[in-house]
PDB file of N, CA and C in Angstrom:
ATOM      1  N   MET A   1     -51.978 -36.452 -54.246  1.00  0.00           N
ATOM      2  CA  MET A   1     -50.529 -36.307 -54.268  1.00  0.00           C
ATOM      3  C   MET A   1     -49.920 -37.243 -53.228  1.00  0.00           C
ATOM      4  N   ALA A   2     -49.011 -38.069 -53.645  1.00  0.00           N
ATOM      5  CA  ALA A   2     -48.386 -39.026 -52.741  1.00  0.00           C
ATOM      6  C   ALA A   2     -47.337 -38.332 -51.881  1.00  0.00           C
ATOM      7  N   GLU A   3     -47.322 -38.681 -50.602  1.00  0.00           N
ATOM      8  CA  GLU A   3     -46.324 -38.125 -49.703  1.00  0.00           C
ATOM      9  C   GLU A   3     -45.019 -38.895 -49.844  1.00  0.00           C
ATOM     10  N   LYS A   4     -43.922 -38.171 -49.791  1.00  0.00           N
ATOM     11  CA  LYS A   4     -42.609 -38.808 -49.832  1.00  0.00           C
ATOM     12  C   LYS A   4     -42.244 -39.215 -48.407  1.00  0.00           C
ATOM     13  N   THR A   5     -42.009 -40.493 -48.206  1.00  0.00           N
ATOM     14  CA  THR A   5     -41.632 -40.957 -46.877  1.00  0.00           C
ATOM     15  C   THR A   5     -40.133 -41.170 -46.827  1.00  0.00           C
ATOM     16  N   GLU A   6     -39.552 -40.708 -45.745  1.00  0.00           N
ATOM     17  CA  GLU A   6     -38.113 -40.860 -45.574  1.00  0.00           C
ATOM     18  C   GLU A   6     -37.814 -42.282 -45.101  1.00  0.00           C
ATOM     19  N   GLU A   7     -36.895 -42.924 -45.784  1.00  0.00           N
ATOM     20  CA  GLU A   7     -36.518 -44.289 -45.436  1.00  0.00           C
ATOM     21  C   GLU A   7     -35.664 -44.278 -44.177  1.00  0.00           C
ATOM     22  N   LYS A   8     -36.075 -45.082 -43.198  1.00  0.00           N
ATOM     23  CA  LYS A   8     -35.301 -45.210 -41.962  1.00  0.00           C
ATOM     24  C   LYS A   8     -34.079 -46.061 -42.237  1.00  0.00           C
ATOM     25  N   LYS A   9     -32.944 -45.625 -41.708  1.00  0.00           N
ATOM     26  CA  LYS A   9     -31.769 -46.472 -41.783  1.00  0.00           C
ATOM     27  C   LYS A   9     -30.755 -46.017 -40.735  1.00  0.00           C
ATOM     28  N   PHE A  10     -29.960 -46.960 -40.289  1.00  0.00           N
ATOM     29  CA  PHE A  10     -28.897 -46.678 -39.339  1.00  0.00           C
ATOM     30  C   PHE A  10     -27.740 -46.031 -40.094  1.00  0.00           C
ATOM     31  N   THR A  11     -27.133 -44.995 -39.501  1.00  0.00           N
ATOM     32  CA  THR A  11     -26.026 -44.292 -40.137  1.00  0.00           C
ATOM     33  C   THR A  11     -24.864 -44.148 -39.163  1.00  0.00           C
ATOM     34  N   ALA A  12     -23.696 -43.867 -39.699  1.00  0.00           N
ATOM     35  CA  ALA A  12     -22.488 -43.704 -38.893  1.00  0.00           C
ATOM     36  C   ALA A  12     -22.602 -42.525 -37.939  1.00  0.00           C
ATOM     37  N   GLU A  13     -23.340 -41.495 -38.327  1.00  0.00           N
ATOM     38  CA  GLU A  13     -23.463 -40.278 -37.524  1.00  0.00           C
ATOM     39  C   GLU A  13     -24.479 -40.404 -36.398  1.00  0.00           C
ATOM     40  N   MET A  14     -25.262 -41.460 -36.408  1.00  0.00           N
ATOM     41  CA  MET A  14     -26.293 -41.685 -35.404  1.00  0.00           C
ATOM     42  C   MET A  14     -25.655 -42.034 -34.061  1.00  0.00           C
ATOM     43  N   THR A  15     -26.215 -41.504 -32.965  1.00  0.00           N
ATOM     44  CA  THR A  15     -25.694 -41.868 -31.649  1.00  0.00           C
ATOM     45  C   THR A  15     -26.148 -43.268 -31.280  1.00  0.00           C
ATOM     46  N   VAL A  16     -25.459 -43.842 -30.334  1.00  0.00           N
ATOM     47  CA  VAL A  16     -25.839 -45.174 -29.848  1.00  0.00           C
ATOM     48  C   VAL A  16     -27.266 -45.126 -29.308  1.00  0.00           C
ATOM     49  N   LYS A  17     -27.602 -44.065 -28.596  1.00  0.00           N
ATOM     50  CA  LYS A  17     -28.957 -43.934 -28.048  1.00  0.00           C
ATOM     51  C   LYS A  17     -30.001 -43.908 -29.161  1.00  0.00           C
ATOM     52  N   GLU A  18     -29.727 -43.154 -30.227  1.00  0.00           N
ATOM     53  CA  GLU A  18     -30.661 -43.114 -31.359  1.00  0.00           C
ATOM     54  C   GLU A  18     -30.816 -44.496 -31.976  1.00  0.00           C
ATOM     55  N   ALA A  19     -29.717 -45.219 -32.103  1.00  0.00           N
ATOM     56  CA  ALA A  19     -29.768 -46.574 -32.667  1.00  0.00           C
ATOM     57  C   ALA A  19     -30.592 -47.494 -31.780  1.00  0.00           C
ATOM     58  N   LEU A  20     -30.394 -47.394 -30.479  1.00  0.00           N
ATOM     59  CA  LEU A  20     -31.144 -48.239 -29.551  1.00  0.00           C
ATOM     60  C   LEU A  20     -32.632 -47.926 -29.591  1.00  0.00           C
ATOM     61  N   ASN A  21     -32.963 -46.677 -29.822  1.00  0.00           N
ATOM     62  CA  ASN A  21     -34.371 -46.272 -29.891  1.00  0.00           C
ATOM     63  C   ASN A  21     -35.017 -46.584 -31.235  1.00  0.00           C
ATOM     64  N   MET A  22     -34.205 -46.806 -32.259  1.00  0.00           N
ATOM     65  CA  MET A  22     -34.746 -47.013 -33.600  1.00  0.00           C
ATOM     66  C   MET A  22     -35.376 -48.400 -33.780  1.00  0.00           C
ATOM     67  N   HIS A  23     -34.803 -49.402 -33.142  1.00  0.00           N
ATOM     68  CA  HIS A  23     -35.316 -50.769 -33.311  1.00  0.00           C
ATOM     69  C   HIS A  23     -35.115 -51.534 -32.007  1.00  0.00           C
ATOM     70  N   PRO A  24     -36.116 -52.291 -31.580  1.00  0.00           N
ATOM     71  CA  PRO A  24     -36.016 -53.003 -30.302  1.00  0.00           C
ATOM     72  C   PRO A  24     -34.912 -54.058 -30.233  1.00  0.00           C
ATOM     73  N   GLU A  25     -34.458 -54.550 -31.370  1.00  0.00           N
ATOM     74  CA  GLU A  25     -33.420 -55.587 -31.363  1.00  0.00           C
ATOM     75  C   GLU A  25     -32.011 -55.040 -31.629  1.00  0.00           C
ATOM     76  N   SER A  26     -31.885 -53.720 -31.734  1.00  0.00           N
ATOM     77  CA  SER A  26     -30.564 -53.149 -32.017  1.00  0.00           C
ATOM     78  C   SER A  26     -29.578 -53.417 -30.879  1.00  0.00           C
ATOM     79  N   SER A  27     -30.065 -53.499 -29.651  1.00  0.00           N
ATOM     80  CA  SER A  27     -29.152 -53.801 -28.531  1.00  0.00           C
ATOM     81  C   SER A  27     -28.557 -55.193 -28.676  1.00  0.00           C
ATOM     82  N   MET A  28     -29.320 -56.127 -29.235  1.00  0.00           N
ATOM     83  CA  MET A  28     -28.801 -57.483 -29.444  1.00  0.00           C
ATOM     84  C   MET A  28     -27.733 -57.489 -30.530  1.00  0.00           C
ATOM     85  N   VAL A  29     -27.905 -56.664 -31.559  1.00  0.00           N
ATOM     86  CA  VAL A  29     -26.889 -56.566 -32.613  1.00  0.00           C
ATOM     87  C   VAL A  29     -25.606 -55.975 -32.028  1.00  0.00           C
ATOM     88  N   LEU A  30     -25.732 -54.901 -31.259  1.00  0.00           N
ATOM     89  CA  LEU A  30     -24.556 -54.298 -30.629  1.00  0.00           C
ATOM     90  C   LEU A  30     -23.862 -55.309 -29.718  1.00  0.00           C
ATOM     91  N   ALA A  31     -24.636 -56.053 -28.948  1.00  0.00           N
ATOM     92  CA  ALA A  31     -24.058 -57.059 -28.056  1.00  0.00           C
ATOM     93  C   ALA A  31     -23.326 -58.135 -28.857  1.00  0.00           C
ATOM     94  N   GLY A  32     -23.817 -58.440 -30.050  1.00  0.00           N
ATOM     95  CA  GLY A  32     -23.156 -59.420 -30.919  1.00  0.00           C
ATOM     96  C   GLY A  32     -21.760 -58.980 -31.334  1.00  0.00           C
ATOM     97  N   TYR A  33     -21.539 -57.679 -31.315  1.00  0.00           N
ATOM     98  CA  TYR A  33     -20.214 -57.122 -31.607  1.00  0.00           C
ATOM     99  C   TYR A  33     -19.468 -56.791 -30.315  1.00  0.00           C
ATOM    100  N   HIS A  34     -19.984 -57.299 -29.199  1.00  0.00           N
ATOM    101  CA  HIS A  34     -19.411 -57.070 -27.871  1.00  0.00           C
ATOM    102  C   HIS A  34     -19.406 -55.596 -27.499  1.00  0.00           C
ATOM    103  N   LEU A  35     -20.476 -54.909 -27.851  1.00  0.00           N
ATOM    104  CA  LEU A  35     -20.646 -53.500 -27.520  1.00  0.00           C
ATOM    105  C   LEU A  35     -21.823 -53.350 -26.571  1.00  0.00           C
ATOM    106  N   GLY A  36     -21.543 -52.980 -25.351  1.00  0.00           N
ATOM    107  CA  GLY A  36     -22.602 -52.719 -24.396  1.00  0.00           C
ATOM    108  C   GLY A  36     -23.257 -53.935 -23.798  1.00  0.00           C
ATOM    109  N   GLY A  37     -22.709 -55.089 -23.997  1.00  0.00           N
ATOM    110  CA  GLY A  37     -23.321 -56.310 -23.497  1.00  0.00           C
ATOM    111  C   GLY A  37     -22.996 -56.625 -22.048  1.00  0.00           C
ATOM    112  N   CYS A  38     -21.984 -55.970 -21.490  1.00  0.00           N
ATOM    113  CA  CYS A  38     -21.614 -56.227 -20.095  1.00  0.00           C
ATOM    114  C   CYS A  38     -21.026 -54.959 -19.493  1.00  0.00           C
ATOM    115  N   SER A  39     -20.841 -54.946 -18.197  1.00  0.00           N
ATOM    116  CA  SER A  39     -20.365 -53.742 -17.527  1.00  0.00           C
ATOM    117  C   SER A  39     -18.948 -53.356 -17.937  1.00  0.00           C
ATOM    118  N   SER A  40     -18.128 -54.325 -18.326  1.00  0.00           N
ATOM    119  CA  SER A  40     -16.745 -54.005 -18.697  1.00  0.00           C
ATOM    120  C   SER A  40     -16.629 -53.470 -20.123  1.00  0.00           C
ATOM    121  N   CYS A  41     -17.673 -53.601 -20.926  1.00  0.00           N
ATOM    122  CA  CYS A  41     -17.604 -53.097 -22.294  1.00  0.00           C
ATOM    123  C   CYS A  41     -18.792 -52.194 -22.605  1.00  0.00           C
ATOM    124  N   GLY A  42     -19.209 -51.428 -21.609  1.00  0.00           N
ATOM    125  CA  GLY A  42     -20.308 -50.501 -21.810  1.00  0.00           C
ATOM    126  C   GLY A  42     -19.940 -49.428 -22.810  1.00  0.00           C
ATOM    127  N   VAL A  43     -20.888 -48.989 -23.594  1.00  0.00           N
ATOM    128  CA  VAL A  43     -20.656 -47.927 -24.563  1.00  0.00           C
ATOM    129  C   VAL A  43     -21.417 -46.687 -24.112  1.00  0.00           C
ATOM    130  N   ASN A  44     -20.890 -45.543 -24.467  1.00  0.00           N
ATOM    131  CA  ASN A  44     -21.500 -44.274 -24.120  1.00  0.00           C
ATOM    132  C   ASN A  44     -22.600 -43.977 -25.133  1.00  0.00           C
ATOM    133  N   GLU A  45     -23.818 -43.763 -24.665  1.00  0.00           N
ATOM    134  CA  GLU A  45     -24.954 -43.579 -25.558  1.00  0.00           C
ATOM    135  C   GLU A  45     -24.892 -42.295 -26.364  1.00  0.00           C
ATOM    136  N   ILE A  46     -24.013 -41.351 -25.986  1.00  0.00           N
ATOM    137  CA  ILE A  46     -23.932 -40.110 -26.754  1.00  0.00           C
ATOM    138  C   ILE A  46     -22.867 -40.175 -27.844  1.00  0.00           C
ATOM    139  N   GLU A  47     -22.094 -41.266 -27.867  1.00  0.00           N
ATOM    140  CA  GLU A  47     -21.121 -41.456 -28.943  1.00  0.00           C
ATOM    141  C   GLU A  47     -21.850 -41.890 -30.203  1.00  0.00           C
ATOM    142  N   THR A  48     -21.280 -41.535 -31.356  1.00  0.00           N
ATOM    143  CA  THR A  48     -21.860 -42.004 -32.609  1.00  0.00           C
ATOM    144  C   THR A  48     -21.443 -43.453 -32.845  1.00  0.00           C
ATOM    145  N   LEU A  49     -22.146 -44.101 -33.735  1.00  0.00           N
ATOM    146  CA  LEU A  49     -21.780 -45.472 -34.081  1.00  0.00           C
ATOM    147  C   LEU A  49     -20.367 -45.509 -34.656  1.00  0.00           C
ATOM    148  N   GLU A  50     -20.007 -44.500 -35.420  1.00  0.00           N
ATOM    149  CA  GLU A  50     -18.653 -44.444 -35.988  1.00  0.00           C
ATOM    150  C   GLU A  50     -17.601 -44.321 -34.884  1.00  0.00           C
ATOM    151  N   GLN A  51     -17.851 -43.485 -33.891  1.00  0.00           N
ATOM    152  CA  GLN A  51     -16.905 -43.320 -32.793  1.00  0.00           C
ATOM    153  C   GLN A  51     -16.736 -44.618 -32.011  1.00  0.00           C
ATOM    154  N   VAL A  52     -17.837 -45.304 -31.769  1.00  0.00           N
ATOM    155  CA  VAL A  52     -17.781 -46.574 -31.039  1.00  0.00           C
ATOM    156  C   VAL A  52     -16.988 -47.607 -31.834  1.00  0.00           C
ATOM    157  N   CYS A  53     -17.246 -47.680 -33.131  1.00  0.00           N
ATOM    158  CA  CYS A  53     -16.517 -48.631 -33.974  1.00  0.00           C
ATOM    159  C   CYS A  53     -15.027 -48.321 -33.986  1.00  0.00           C
ATOM    160  N   ASN A  54     -14.695 -47.059 -34.114  1.00  0.00           N
ATOM    161  CA  ASN A  54     -13.282 -46.675 -34.106  1.00  0.00           C
ATOM    162  C   ASN A  54     -12.640 -47.015 -32.772  1.00  0.00           C
ATOM    163  N   GLY A  55     -13.337 -46.772 -31.683  1.00  0.00           N
ATOM    164  CA  GLY A  55     -12.793 -47.016 -30.351  1.00  0.00           C
ATOM    165  C   GLY A  55     -12.595 -48.483 -30.020  1.00  0.00           C
ATOM    166  N   TYR A  56     -13.450 -49.337 -30.580  1.00  0.00           N
ATOM    167  CA  TYR A  56     -13.383 -50.762 -30.258  1.00  0.00           C
ATOM    168  C   TYR A  56     -12.848 -51.613 -31.403  1.00  0.00           C
ATOM    169  N   GLY A  57     -12.459 -50.985 -32.511  1.00  0.00           N
ATOM    170  CA  GLY A  57     -11.900 -51.735 -33.636  1.00  0.00           C
ATOM    171  C   GLY A  57     -12.918 -52.583 -34.371  1.00  0.00           C
ATOM    172  N   ILE A  58     -14.155 -52.115 -34.406  1.00  0.00           N
ATOM    173  CA  ILE A  58     -15.231 -52.840 -35.098  1.00  0.00           C
ATOM    174  C   ILE A  58     -15.369 -52.260 -36.504  1.00  0.00           C
ATOM    175  N   PRO A  59     -15.480 -53.088 -37.536  1.00  0.00           N
ATOM    176  CA  PRO A  59     -15.696 -52.558 -38.890  1.00  0.00           C
ATOM    177  C   PRO A  59     -17.056 -51.859 -38.978  1.00  0.00           C
ATOM    178  N   LEU A  60     -17.045 -50.569 -39.238  1.00  0.00           N
ATOM    179  CA  LEU A  60     -18.273 -49.776 -39.286  1.00  0.00           C
ATOM    180  C   LEU A  60     -19.257 -50.318 -40.310  1.00  0.00           C
ATOM    181  N   ASP A  61     -18.770 -50.659 -41.497  1.00  0.00           N
ATOM    182  CA  ASP A  61     -19.664 -51.167 -42.551  1.00  0.00           C
ATOM    183  C   ASP A  61     -20.388 -52.433 -42.113  1.00  0.00           C
ATOM    184  N   ALA A  62     -19.688 -53.303 -41.402  1.00  0.00           N
ATOM    185  CA  ALA A  62     -20.306 -54.556 -40.949  1.00  0.00           C
ATOM    186  C   ALA A  62     -21.382 -54.280 -39.903  1.00  0.00           C
ATOM    187  N   LEU A  63     -21.088 -53.380 -38.960  1.00  0.00           N
ATOM    188  CA  LEU A  63     -22.076 -53.055 -37.930  1.00  0.00           C
ATOM    189  C   LEU A  63     -23.311 -52.424 -38.557  1.00  0.00           C
ATOM    190  N   LEU A  64     -23.104 -51.464 -39.454  1.00  0.00           N
ATOM    191  CA  LEU A  64     -24.251 -50.812 -40.100  1.00  0.00           C
ATOM    192  C   LEU A  64     -25.066 -51.802 -40.920  1.00  0.00           C
ATOM    193  N   ALA A  65     -24.409 -52.709 -41.609  1.00  0.00           N
ATOM    194  CA  ALA A  65     -25.134 -53.722 -42.395  1.00  0.00           C
ATOM    195  C   ALA A  65     -25.976 -54.601 -41.474  1.00  0.00           C
ATOM    196  N   SER A  66     -25.414 -54.987 -40.342  1.00  0.00           N
ATOM    197  CA  SER A  66     -26.153 -55.820 -39.394  1.00  0.00           C
ATOM    198  C   SER A  66     -27.352 -55.071 -38.824  1.00  0.00           C
ATOM    199  N   LEU A  67     -27.127 -53.824 -38.441  1.00  0.00           N
ATOM    200  CA  LEU A  67     -28.245 -53.023 -37.897  1.00  0.00           C
ATOM    201  C   LEU A  67     -29.312 -52.781 -38.952  1.00  0.00           C
ATOM    202  N   ASN A  68     -28.900 -52.417 -40.157  1.00  0.00           N
ATOM    203  CA  ASN A  68     -29.874 -52.142 -41.203  1.00  0.00           C
ATOM    204  C   ASN A  68     -30.630 -53.389 -41.646  1.00  0.00           C
ATOM    205  N   SER A  69     -30.056 -54.556 -41.441  1.00  0.00           N
ATOM    206  CA  SER A  69     -30.785 -55.786 -41.784  1.00  0.00           C
ATOM    207  C   SER A  69     -32.015 -55.947 -40.886  1.00  0.00           C
ATOM    208  N   LEU A  70     -31.978 -55.352 -39.701  1.00  0.00           N
ATOM    209  CA  LEU A  70     -33.161 -55.396 -38.819  1.00  0.00           C
ATOM    210  C   LEU A  70     -34.349 -54.690 -39.460  1.00  0.00           C
ATOM    211  N   LEU A  71     -34.072 -53.644 -40.216  1.00  0.00           N
ATOM    212  CA  LEU A  71     -35.133 -52.863 -40.831  1.00  0.00           C
ATOM    213  C   LEU A  71     -35.730 -53.545 -42.053  1.00  0.00           C
ATOM    214  N   GLU A  72     -34.996 -54.511 -42.598  1.00  0.00           N
ATOM    215  CA  GLU A  72     -35.471 -55.238 -43.781  1.00  0.00           C
ATOM    216  C   GLU A  72     -36.399 -56.380 -43.419  1.00  0.00           C
ATOM    217  N   GLU A  73     -36.360 -56.797 -42.157  1.00  0.00           N
ATOM    218  CA  GLU A  73     -37.192 -57.921 -41.712  1.00  0.00           C
ATOM    219  C   GLU A  73     -38.606 -57.421 -41.438  1.00  0.00           C
ATOM    220  N   ASN A  74     -39.570 -57.989 -42.116  1.00  0.00           N
ATOM    221  CA  ASN A  74     -40.974 -57.659 -41.874  1.00  0.00           C
ATOM    222  C   ASN A  74     -41.849 -58.851 -42.055  1.00  0.00           C
TER     223      ASN A  74
END
């Protein structure tokens, strides 16, 4: 019997900390959107990706697409 494996993916409800822990390059993607890349634009790790996007005016769909593209690279 084959086991059903859950597909990993970044979601709007995921916290920043969860996103950072999911893939080693996720911090670089966030920095590309000017999120958490410097002391003046630090993000709170307990906020969700959706909350961060809303707070900084970042298109959520674009951020999620960029993060999820990390999971497609193998």
